[in-house]
């Protein structure tokens, strides 16, 4: 009887230890998996943010260049019109005299 009780306690402890180890492994794997997912998500977000920033900079640069180009065109058009007008006035003065 004493031997049977000893054996039953031993089996119960073994089962309890197995179950505890199983739960601990499961929790550890969950933690590792969560950490891996977090790292992957962080990396993806960082890359996406980098791409978005690059795209925004490219767009802003394009806008600034476009604006500068338009401004330069306006200025050169004004200069050309001014020169043409001056030339036309000179020609008209010559013809009138």
PDB file of N, CA and C in Angstrom:
ATOM      1  N   UNK A   1       0.827  -1.192   0.000  1.00  0.00           N
ATOM      2  CA  UNK A   1       0.000   0.000   0.000  1.00  0.00           C
ATOM      3  C   UNK A   1       0.873   1.258   0.000  1.00  0.00           C
ATOM      4  N   UNK A   2       1.852   1.303   0.865  1.00  0.00           N
ATOM      5  CA  UNK A   2       2.763   2.434   0.953  1.00  0.00           C
ATOM      6  C   UNK A   2       3.504   2.597  -0.376  1.00  0.00           C
ATOM      7  N   UNK A   3       3.911   1.507  -0.963  1.00  0.00           N
ATOM      8  CA  UNK A   3       4.644   1.507  -2.231  1.00  0.00           C
ATOM      9  C   UNK A   3       3.752   2.054  -3.354  1.00  0.00           C
ATOM     10  N   UNK A   4       2.500   1.660  -3.364  1.00  0.00           N
ATOM     11  CA  UNK A   4       1.553   2.114  -4.394  1.00  0.00           C
ATOM     12  C   UNK A   4       1.335   3.621  -4.275  1.00  0.00           C
ATOM     13  N   UNK A   5       1.224   4.112  -3.032  1.00  0.00           N
ATOM     14  CA  UNK A   5       1.034   5.540  -2.814  1.00  0.00           C
ATOM     15  C   UNK A   5       2.271   6.307  -3.277  1.00  0.00           C
ATOM     16  N   UNK A   6       3.450   5.782  -2.965  1.00  0.00           N
ATOM     17  CA  UNK A   6       4.709   6.392  -3.393  1.00  0.00           C
ATOM     18  C   UNK A   6       4.760   6.483  -4.920  1.00  0.00           C
ATOM     19  N   UNK A   7       4.399   5.397  -5.566  1.00  0.00           N
ATOM     20  CA  UNK A   7       4.413   5.329  -7.033  1.00  0.00           C
ATOM     21  C   UNK A   7       3.404   6.319  -7.625  1.00  0.00           C
ATOM     22  N   UNK A   8       2.228   6.408  -7.014  1.00  0.00           N
ATOM     23  CA  UNK A   8       1.192   7.331  -7.489  1.00  0.00           C
ATOM     24  C   UNK A   8       1.667   8.777  -7.357  1.00  0.00           C
ATOM     25  N   UNK A   9       2.307   9.121  -6.228  1.00  0.00           N
ATOM     26  CA  UNK A   9       2.845  10.481  -6.039  1.00  0.00           C
ATOM     27  C   UNK A   9       3.936  10.777  -7.054  1.00  0.00           C
ATOM     28  N   UNK A  10       4.779   9.786  -7.293  1.00  0.00           N
ATOM     29  CA  UNK A  10       5.874   9.948  -8.259  1.00  0.00           C
ATOM     30  C   UNK A  10       5.293  10.217  -9.647  1.00  0.00           C
ATOM     31  N   UNK A  11       4.283   9.414 -10.030  1.00  0.00           N
ATOM     32  CA  UNK A  11       3.640   9.601 -11.336  1.00  0.00           C
ATOM     33  C   UNK A  11       2.961  10.971 -11.427  1.00  0.00           C
ATOM     34  N   UNK A  12       2.308  11.369 -10.338  1.00  0.00           N
ATOM     35  CA  UNK A  12       1.625  12.670 -10.318  1.00  0.00           C
ATOM     36  C   UNK A  12       2.631  13.804 -10.457  1.00  0.00           C
ATOM     37  N   UNK A  13       3.764  13.702  -9.746  1.00  0.00           N
ATOM     38  CA  UNK A  13       4.802  14.738  -9.850  1.00  0.00           C
ATOM     39  C   UNK A  13       5.366  14.792 -11.269  1.00  0.00           C
ATOM     40  N   UNK A  14       5.595  13.622 -11.849  1.00  0.00           N
ATOM     41  CA  UNK A  14       6.124  13.560 -13.214  1.00  0.00           C
ATOM     42  C   UNK A  14       5.150  14.227 -14.182  1.00  0.00           C
ATOM     43  N   UNK A  15       3.879  13.897 -14.065  1.00  0.00           N
ATOM     44  CA  UNK A  15       2.859  14.496 -14.933  1.00  0.00           C
ATOM     45  C   UNK A  15       2.773  16.009 -14.724  1.00  0.00           C
ATOM     46  N   UNK A  16       2.820  16.429 -13.470  1.00  0.00           N
ATOM     47  CA  UNK A  16       2.754  17.865 -13.165  1.00  0.00           C
ATOM     48  C   UNK A  16       3.960  18.583 -13.754  1.00  0.00           C
ATOM     49  N   UNK A  17       5.149  17.974 -13.626  1.00  0.00           N
ATOM     50  CA  UNK A  17       6.365  18.568 -14.171  1.00  0.00           C
ATOM     51  C   UNK A  17       6.274  18.658 -15.700  1.00  0.00           C
ATOM     52  N   UNK A  18       5.786  17.573 -16.327  1.00  0.00           N
ATOM     53  CA  UNK A  18       5.631  17.561 -17.786  1.00  0.00           C
ATOM     54  C   UNK A  18       4.691  18.685 -18.224  1.00  0.00           C
ATOM     55  N   UNK A  19       3.572  18.799 -17.530  1.00  0.00           N
ATOM     56  CA  UNK A  19       2.578  19.822 -17.867  1.00  0.00           C
ATOM     57  C   UNK A  19       3.155  21.228 -17.677  1.00  0.00           C
ATOM     58  N   UNK A  20       3.878  21.419 -16.567  1.00  0.00           N
ATOM     59  CA  UNK A  20       4.488  22.728 -16.296  1.00  0.00           C
ATOM     60  C   UNK A  20       5.510  23.073 -17.372  1.00  0.00           C
ATOM     61  N   UNK A  21       6.320  22.106 -17.767  1.00  0.00           N
ATOM     62  CA  UNK A  21       7.312  22.336 -18.822  1.00  0.00           C
ATOM     63  C   UNK A  21       6.634  22.665 -20.148  1.00  0.00           C
ATOM     64  N   UNK A  22       5.554  21.940 -20.428  1.00  0.00           N
ATOM     65  CA  UNK A  22       4.811  22.167 -21.670  1.00  0.00           C
ATOM     66  C   UNK A  22       4.271  23.601 -21.703  1.00  0.00           C
ATOM     67  N   UNK A  23       3.675  24.033 -20.606  1.00  0.00           N
ATOM     68  CA  UNK A  23       3.124  25.389 -20.514  1.00  0.00           C
ATOM     69  C   UNK A  23       4.247  26.421 -20.617  1.00  0.00           C
ATOM     70  N   UNK A  24       5.356  26.160 -19.933  1.00  0.00           N
ATOM     71  CA  UNK A  24       6.485  27.101 -19.963  1.00  0.00           C
ATOM     72  C   UNK A  24       7.048  27.220 -21.375  1.00  0.00           C
ATOM     73  N   UNK A  25       7.190  26.085 -22.069  1.00  0.00           N
ATOM     74  CA  UNK A  25       7.690  26.119 -23.452  1.00  0.00           C
ATOM     75  C   UNK A  25       6.733  26.895 -24.355  1.00  0.00           C
ATOM     76  N   UNK A  26       5.444  26.638 -24.156  1.00  0.00           N
ATOM     77  CA  UNK A  26       4.429  27.314 -24.960  1.00  0.00           C
ATOM     78  C   UNK A  26       4.504  28.827 -24.749  1.00  0.00           C
ATOM     79  N   UNK A  27       4.623  29.260 -23.503  1.00  0.00           N
ATOM     80  CA  UNK A  27       4.732  30.691 -23.189  1.00  0.00           C
ATOM     81  C   UNK A  27       6.016  31.285 -23.770  1.00  0.00           C
ATOM     82  N   UNK A  28       7.110  30.525 -23.635  1.00  0.00           N
ATOM     83  CA  UNK A  28       8.392  31.012 -24.165  1.00  0.00           C
ATOM     84  C   UNK A  28       8.311  31.167 -25.679  1.00  0.00           C
ATOM     85  N   UNK A  29       7.705  30.197 -26.351  1.00  0.00           N
ATOM     86  CA  UNK A  29       7.578  30.279 -27.808  1.00  0.00           C
ATOM     87  C   UNK A  29       6.679  31.455 -28.206  1.00  0.00           C
ATOM     88  N   UNK A  30       5.620  31.661 -27.429  1.00  0.00           N
ATOM     89  CA  UNK A  30       4.714  32.781 -27.708  1.00  0.00           C
ATOM     90  C   UNK A  30       5.486  34.097 -27.597  1.00  0.00           C
ATOM     91  N   UNK A  31       6.303  34.206 -26.558  1.00  0.00           N
ATOM     92  CA  UNK A  31       7.101  35.415 -26.336  1.00  0.00           C
ATOM     93  C   UNK A  31       8.092  35.624 -27.482  1.00  0.00           C
ATOM     94  N   UNK A  32       8.768  34.542 -27.871  1.00  0.00           N
ATOM     95  CA  UNK A  32       9.740  34.627 -28.972  1.00  0.00           C
ATOM     96  C   UNK A  32       9.033  35.031 -30.263  1.00  0.00           C
ATOM     97  N   UNK A  33       7.893  34.413 -30.519  1.00  0.00           N
ATOM     98  CA  UNK A  33       7.134  34.717 -31.733  1.00  0.00           C
ATOM     99  C   UNK A  33       6.665  36.174 -31.728  1.00  0.00           C
ATOM    100  N   UNK A  34       6.159  36.631 -30.589  1.00  0.00           N
ATOM    101  CA  UNK A  34       5.717  38.027 -30.487  1.00  0.00           C
ATOM    102  C   UNK A  34       6.870  38.988 -30.737  1.00  0.00           C
ATOM    103  N   UNK A  35       8.014  38.685 -30.145  1.00  0.00           N
ATOM    104  CA  UNK A  35       9.196  39.535 -30.321  1.00  0.00           C
ATOM    105  C   UNK A  35       9.605  39.571 -31.796  1.00  0.00           C
ATOM    106  N   UNK A  36       9.594  38.394 -32.437  1.00  0.00           N
ATOM    107  CA  UNK A  36       9.955  38.328 -33.859  1.00  0.00           C
ATOM    108  C   UNK A  36       8.965  39.127 -34.699  1.00  0.00           C
ATOM    109  N   UNK A  37       7.676  38.986 -34.396  1.00  0.00           N
ATOM    110  CA  UNK A  37       6.659  39.745 -35.133  1.00  0.00           C
ATOM    111  C   UNK A  37       6.840  41.241 -34.923  1.00  0.00           C
ATOM    112  N   UNK A  38       7.106  41.640 -33.687  1.00  0.00           N
ATOM    113  CA  UNK A  38       7.307  43.065 -33.398  1.00  0.00           C
ATOM    114  C   UNK A  38       8.497  43.620 -34.161  1.00  0.00           C
ATOM    115  N   UNK A  39       9.585  42.854 -34.173  1.00  0.00           N
ATOM    116  CA  UNK A  39      10.779  43.298 -34.904  1.00  0.00           C
ATOM    117  C   UNK A  39      10.487  43.416 -36.395  1.00  0.00           C
ATOM    118  N   UNK A  40       9.805  42.401 -36.929  1.00  0.00           N
ATOM    119  CA  UNK A  40       9.476  42.423 -38.360  1.00  0.00           C
ATOM    120  C   UNK A  40       8.572  43.605 -38.678  1.00  0.00           C
ATOM    121  N   UNK A  41       7.573  43.828 -37.825  1.00  0.00           N
ATOM    122  CA  UNK A  41       6.644  44.942 -38.032  1.00  0.00           C
ATOM    123  C   UNK A  41       7.390  46.276 -37.960  1.00  0.00           C
ATOM    124  N   UNK A  42       8.298  46.379 -36.985  1.00  0.00           N
ATOM    125  CA  UNK A  42       9.078  47.610 -36.826  1.00  0.00           C
ATOM    126  C   UNK A  42       9.910  47.869 -38.084  1.00  0.00           C
ATOM    127  N   UNK A  43      10.527  46.798 -38.601  1.00  0.00           N
ATOM    128  CA  UNK A  43      11.366  46.922 -39.793  1.00  0.00           C
ATOM    129  C   UNK A  43      10.520  47.340 -40.996  1.00  0.00           C
ATOM    130  N   UNK A  44       9.361  46.710 -41.147  1.00  0.00           N
ATOM    131  CA  UNK A  44       8.470  47.040 -42.267  1.00  0.00           C
ATOM    132  C   UNK A  44       8.014  48.491 -42.163  1.00  0.00           C
ATOM    133  N   UNK A  45       7.634  48.911 -40.953  1.00  0.00           N
ATOM    134  CA  UNK A  45       7.191  50.300 -40.754  1.00  0.00           C
ATOM    135  C   UNK A  45       8.322  51.278 -41.041  1.00  0.00           C
ATOM    136  N   UNK A  46       9.526  50.927 -40.580  1.00  0.00           N
ATOM    137  CA  UNK A  46      10.677  51.802 -40.805  1.00  0.00           C
ATOM    138  C   UNK A  46      10.922  51.952 -42.304  1.00  0.00           C
ATOM    139  N   UNK A  47      10.873  50.825 -43.019  1.00  0.00           N
ATOM    140  CA  UNK A  47      11.103  50.841 -44.462  1.00  0.00           C
ATOM    141  C   UNK A  47      10.008  51.638 -45.168  1.00  0.00           C
ATOM    142  N   UNK A  48       8.755  51.421 -44.762  1.00  0.00           N
ATOM    143  CA  UNK A  48       7.630  52.143 -45.374  1.00  0.00           C
ATOM    144  C   UNK A  48       7.753  53.637 -45.102  1.00  0.00           C
ATOM    145  N   UNK A  49       8.140  53.980 -43.882  1.00  0.00           N
ATOM    146  CA  UNK A  49       8.303  55.380 -43.511  1.00  0.00           C
ATOM    147  C   UNK A  49       9.413  56.014 -44.347  1.00  0.00           C
ATOM    148  N   UNK A  50      10.499  55.265 -44.516  1.00  0.00           N
ATOM    149  CA  UNK A  50      11.628  55.751 -45.302  1.00  0.00           C
ATOM    150  C   UNK A  50      11.182  56.010 -46.744  1.00  0.00           C
ATOM    151  N   UNK A  51      10.431  55.053 -47.304  1.00  0.00           N
ATOM    152  CA  UNK A  51       9.940  55.203 -48.675  1.00  0.00           C
ATOM    153  C   UNK A  51       8.993  56.396 -48.787  1.00  0.00           C
ATOM    154  N   UNK A  52       8.094  56.524 -47.817  1.00  0.00           N
ATOM    155  CA  UNK A  52       7.136  57.638 -47.833  1.00  0.00           C
ATOM    156  C   UNK A  52       7.868  58.972 -47.748  1.00  0.00           C
ATOM    157  N   UNK A  53       8.884  59.023 -46.869  1.00  0.00           N
ATOM    158  CA  UNK A  53       9.672  60.250 -46.731  1.00  0.00           C
ATOM    159  C   UNK A  53      10.382  60.575 -48.042  1.00  0.00           C
ATOM    160  N   UNK A  54      10.974  59.534 -48.649  1.00  0.00           N
ATOM    161  CA  UNK A  54      11.699  59.734 -49.900  1.00  0.00           C
ATOM    162  C   UNK A  54      10.745  60.254 -50.979  1.00  0.00           C
ATOM    163  N   UNK A  55       9.560  59.642 -51.041  1.00  0.00           N
ATOM    164  CA  UNK A  55       8.557  60.041 -52.033  1.00  0.00           C
ATOM    165  C   UNK A  55       8.105  61.481 -51.791  1.00  0.00           C
ATOM    166  N   UNK A  56       7.871  61.826 -50.535  1.00  0.00           N
ATOM    167  CA  UNK A  56       7.442  63.189 -50.194  1.00  0.00           C
ATOM    168  C   UNK A  56       8.526  64.196 -50.568  1.00  0.00           C
ATOM    169  N   UNK A  57       9.786  63.854 -50.292  1.00  0.00           N
ATOM    170  CA  UNK A  57      10.895  64.757 -50.636  1.00  0.00           C
ATOM    171  C   UNK A  57      10.990  64.935 -52.146  1.00  0.00           C
ATOM    172  N   UNK A  58      10.832  63.818 -52.857  1.00  0.00           N
ATOM    173  CA  UNK A  58      10.912  63.881 -54.309  1.00  0.00           C
ATOM    174  C   UNK A  58       9.806  64.788 -54.852  1.00  0.00           C
ATOM    175  N   UNK A  59       8.600  64.629 -54.303  1.00  0.00           N
ATOM    176  CA  UNK A  59       7.458  65.430 -54.745  1.00  0.00           C
ATOM    177  C   UNK A  59       7.688  66.912 -54.431  1.00  0.00           C
ATOM    178  N   UNK A  60       8.167  67.185 -53.222  1.00  0.00           N
ATOM    179  CA  UNK A  60       8.425  68.571 -52.823  1.00  0.00           C
ATOM    180  C   UNK A  60       9.505  69.184 -53.707  1.00  0.00           C
ATOM    181  N   UNK A  61      10.557  68.417 -53.971  1.00  0.00           N
ATOM    182  CA  UNK A  61      11.653  68.891 -54.820  1.00  0.00           C
ATOM    183  C   UNK A  61      11.117  69.225 -56.215  1.00  0.00           C
ATOM    184  N   UNK A  62      10.274  68.326 -56.725  1.00  0.00           N
ATOM    185  CA  UNK A  62       9.695  68.526 -58.055  1.00  0.00           C
ATOM    186  C   UNK A  62       8.874  69.813 -58.086  1.00  0.00           C
ATOM    187  N   UNK A  63       8.074  70.032 -57.033  1.00  0.00           N
ATOM    188  CA  UNK A  63       7.249  71.241 -56.952  1.00  0.00           C
ATOM    189  C   UNK A  63       8.118  72.498 -56.910  1.00  0.00           C
ATOM    190  N   UNK A  64       9.166  72.452 -56.098  1.00  0.00           N
ATOM    191  CA  UNK A  64      10.057  73.617 -55.972  1.00  0.00           C
ATOM    192  C   UNK A  64      10.730  73.896 -57.309  1.00  0.00           C
ATOM    193  N   UNK A  65      11.210  72.832 -57.961  1.00  0.00           N
ATOM    194  CA  UNK A  65      11.865  73.015 -59.262  1.00  0.00           C
ATOM    195  C   UNK A  65      10.886  73.572 -60.291  1.00  0.00           C
ATOM    196  N   UNK A  66       9.663  73.048 -60.271  1.00  0.00           N
ATOM    197  CA  UNK A  66       8.640  73.507 -61.212  1.00  0.00           C
ATOM    198  C   UNK A  66       8.361  74.995 -60.987  1.00  0.00           C
ATOM    199  N   UNK A  67       8.223  75.369 -59.723  1.00  0.00           N
ATOM    200  CA  UNK A  67       7.955  76.761 -59.368  1.00  0.00           C
ATOM    201  C   UNK A  67       9.113  77.657 -59.828  1.00  0.00           C
ATOM    202  N   UNK A  68      10.338  77.218 -59.566  1.00  0.00           N
ATOM    203  CA  UNK A  68      11.515  78.000 -59.964  1.00  0.00           C
ATOM    204  C   UNK A  68      11.579  78.127 -61.486  1.00  0.00           C
ATOM    205  N   UNK A  69      11.288  77.036 -62.173  1.00  0.00           N
ATOM    206  CA  UNK A  69      11.303  77.049 -63.638  1.00  0.00           C
ATOM    207  C   UNK A  69      10.255  78.033 -64.169  1.00  0.00           C
ATOM    208  N   UNK A  70       9.045  77.954 -63.615  1.00  0.00           N
ATOM    209  CA  UNK A  70       7.972  78.862 -64.050  1.00  0.00           C
ATOM    210  C   UNK A  70       8.354  80.319 -63.809  1.00  0.00           C
ATOM    211  N   UNK A  71       8.944  80.570 -62.656  1.00  0.00           N
ATOM    212  CA  UNK A  71       9.365  81.934 -62.316  1.00  0.00           C
ATOM    213  C   UNK A  71      10.432  82.415 -63.298  1.00  0.00           C
ATOM    214  N   UNK A  72      11.392  81.551 -63.599  1.00  0.00           N
ATOM    215  CA  UNK A  72      12.457  81.915 -64.539  1.00  0.00           C
ATOM    216  C   UNK A  72      11.871  82.185 -65.925  1.00  0.00           C
ATOM    217  N   UNK A  73      10.910  81.367 -66.332  1.00  0.00           N
ATOM    218  CA  UNK A  73      10.269  81.574 -67.639  1.00  0.00           C
ATOM    219  C   UNK A  73       9.547  82.916 -67.683  1.00  0.00           C
ATOM    220  N   UNK A  74       8.837  83.235 -66.608  1.00  0.00           N
ATOM    221  CA  UNK A  74       8.123  84.520 -66.554  1.00  0.00           C
ATOM    222  C   UNK A  74       9.110  85.672 -66.691  1.00  0.00           C
ATOM    223  N   UNK A  75      10.195  85.587 -65.919  1.00  0.00           N
ATOM    224  CA  UNK A  75      11.194  86.659 -65.942  1.00  0.00           C
ATOM    225  C   UNK A  75      11.814  86.797 -67.326  1.00  0.00           C
ATOM    226  N   UNK A  76      12.188  85.660 -67.938  1.00  0.00           N
ATOM    227  CA  UNK A  76      12.826  85.754 -69.253  1.00  0.00           C
ATOM    228  C   UNK A  76      11.823  86.248 -70.293  1.00  0.00           C
ATOM    229  N   UNK A  77      10.547  85.861 -70.152  1.00  0.00           N
ATOM    230  CA  UNK A  77       9.518  86.364 -71.077  1.00  0.00           C
ATOM    231  C   UNK A  77       9.379  87.873 -70.939  1.00  0.00           C
ATOM    232  N   UNK A  78       9.386  88.357 -69.700  1.00  0.00           N
ATOM    233  CA  UNK A  78       9.289  89.805 -69.465  1.00  0.00           C
ATOM    234  C   UNK A  78      10.459  90.518 -70.133  1.00  0.00           C
ATOM    235  N   UNK A  79      11.662  89.950 -69.954  1.00  0.00           N
ATOM    236  CA  UNK A  79      12.859  90.562 -70.539  1.00  0.00           C
ATOM    237  C   UNK A  79      12.761  90.580 -72.063  1.00  0.00           C
ATOM    238  N   UNK A  80      12.334  89.439 -72.634  1.00  0.00           N
ATOM    239  CA  UNK A  80      12.222  89.368 -74.096  1.00  0.00           C
ATOM    240  C   UNK A  80      11.183  90.361 -74.614  1.00  0.00           C
ATOM    241  N   UNK A  81      10.047  90.448 -73.925  1.00  0.00           N
ATOM    242  CA  UNK A  81       9.011  91.407 -74.339  1.00  0.00           C
ATOM    243  C   UNK A  81       9.519  92.840 -74.234  1.00  0.00           C
ATOM    244  N   UNK A  82      10.244  93.109 -73.160  1.00  0.00           N
ATOM    245  CA  UNK A  82      10.791  94.455 -72.950  1.00  0.00           C
ATOM    246  C   UNK A  82      11.757  94.809 -74.083  1.00  0.00           C
ATOM    247  N   UNK A  83      12.650  93.847 -74.407  1.00  0.00           N
ATOM    248  CA  UNK A  83      13.614  94.079 -75.491  1.00  0.00           C
ATOM    249  C   UNK A  83      12.897  94.286 -76.816  1.00  0.00           C
ATOM    250  N   UNK A  84      11.914  93.411 -77.090  1.00  0.00           N
ATOM    251  CA  UNK A  84      11.176  93.514 -78.354  1.00  0.00           C
ATOM    252  C   UNK A  84      10.443  94.848 -78.430  1.00  0.00           C
ATOM    253  N   UNK A  85       9.864  95.258 -77.321  1.00  0.00           N
ATOM    254  CA  UNK A  85       9.139  96.526 -77.277  1.00  0.00           C
ATOM    255  C   UNK A  85      10.100  97.688 -77.534  1.00  0.00           C
ATOM    256  N   UNK A  86      11.257  97.636 -76.904  1.00  0.00           N
ATOM    257  CA  UNK A  86      12.265  98.686 -77.082  1.00  0.00           C
ATOM    258  C   UNK A  86      12.707  98.745 -78.539  1.00  0.00           C
ATOM    259  N   UNK A  87      12.952  97.572 -79.122  1.00  0.00           N
ATOM    260  CA  UNK A  87      13.369  97.510 -80.533  1.00  0.00           C
ATOM    261  C   UNK A  87      12.277  98.074 -81.437  1.00  0.00           C
ATOM    262  N   UNK A  88      11.032  97.698 -81.139  1.00  0.00           N
ATOM    263  CA  UNK A  88       9.909  98.177 -81.957  1.00  0.00           C
ATOM    264  C   UNK A  88       9.798  99.698 -81.866  1.00  0.00           C
ATOM    265  N   UNK A  89       9.989 100.243 -80.671  1.00  0.00           N
ATOM    266  CA  UNK A  89       9.939 101.700 -80.490  1.00  0.00           C
ATOM    267  C   UNK A  89      11.044 102.380 -81.288  1.00  0.00           C
ATOM    268  N   UNK A  90      12.237 101.789 -81.228  1.00  0.00           N
ATOM    269  CA  UNK A  90      13.362 102.369 -81.977  1.00  0.00           C
ATOM    270  C   UNK A  90      13.059 102.364 -83.471  1.00  0.00           C
ATOM    271  N   UNK A  91      12.539 101.231 -83.963  1.00  0.00           N
ATOM    272  CA  UNK A  91      12.214 101.112 -85.387  1.00  0.00           C
ATOM    273  C   UNK A  91      11.134 102.123 -85.778  1.00  0.00           C
ATOM    274  N   UNK A  92      10.138 102.219 -84.897  1.00  0.00           N
ATOM    275  CA  UNK A  92       9.045 103.159 -85.183  1.00  0.00           C
ATOM    276  C   UNK A  92       9.572 104.591 -85.217  1.00  0.00           C
ATOM    277  N   UNK A  93      10.497 104.911 -84.318  1.00  0.00           N
ATOM    278  CA  UNK A  93      11.088 106.253 -84.293  1.00  0.00           C
ATOM    279  C   UNK A  93      11.861 106.516 -85.574  1.00  0.00           C
ATOM    280  N   UNK A  94      12.604 105.528 -86.046  1.00  0.00           N
ATOM    281  CA  UNK A  94      13.384 105.688 -87.277  1.00  0.00           C
ATOM    282  C   UNK A  94      12.456 105.929 -88.460  1.00  0.00           C
ATOM    283  N   UNK A  95      11.393 105.120 -88.504  1.00  0.00           N
ATOM    284  CA  UNK A  95      10.456 105.239 -89.621  1.00  0.00           C
ATOM    285  C   UNK A  95       9.745 106.592 -89.574  1.00  0.00           C
ATOM    286  N   UNK A  96       9.394 107.021 -88.374  1.00  0.00           N
ATOM    287  CA  UNK A  96       8.677 108.285 -88.224  1.00  0.00           C
ATOM    288  C   UNK A  96       9.563 109.478 -88.562  1.00  0.00           C
ATOM    289  N   UNK A  97      10.865 109.361 -88.399  1.00  0.00           N
ATOM    290  CA  UNK A  97      11.709 110.517 -88.645  1.00  0.00           C
ATOM    291  C   UNK A  97      12.059 110.698 -90.071  1.00  0.00           C
TER     292      UNK A  97
END
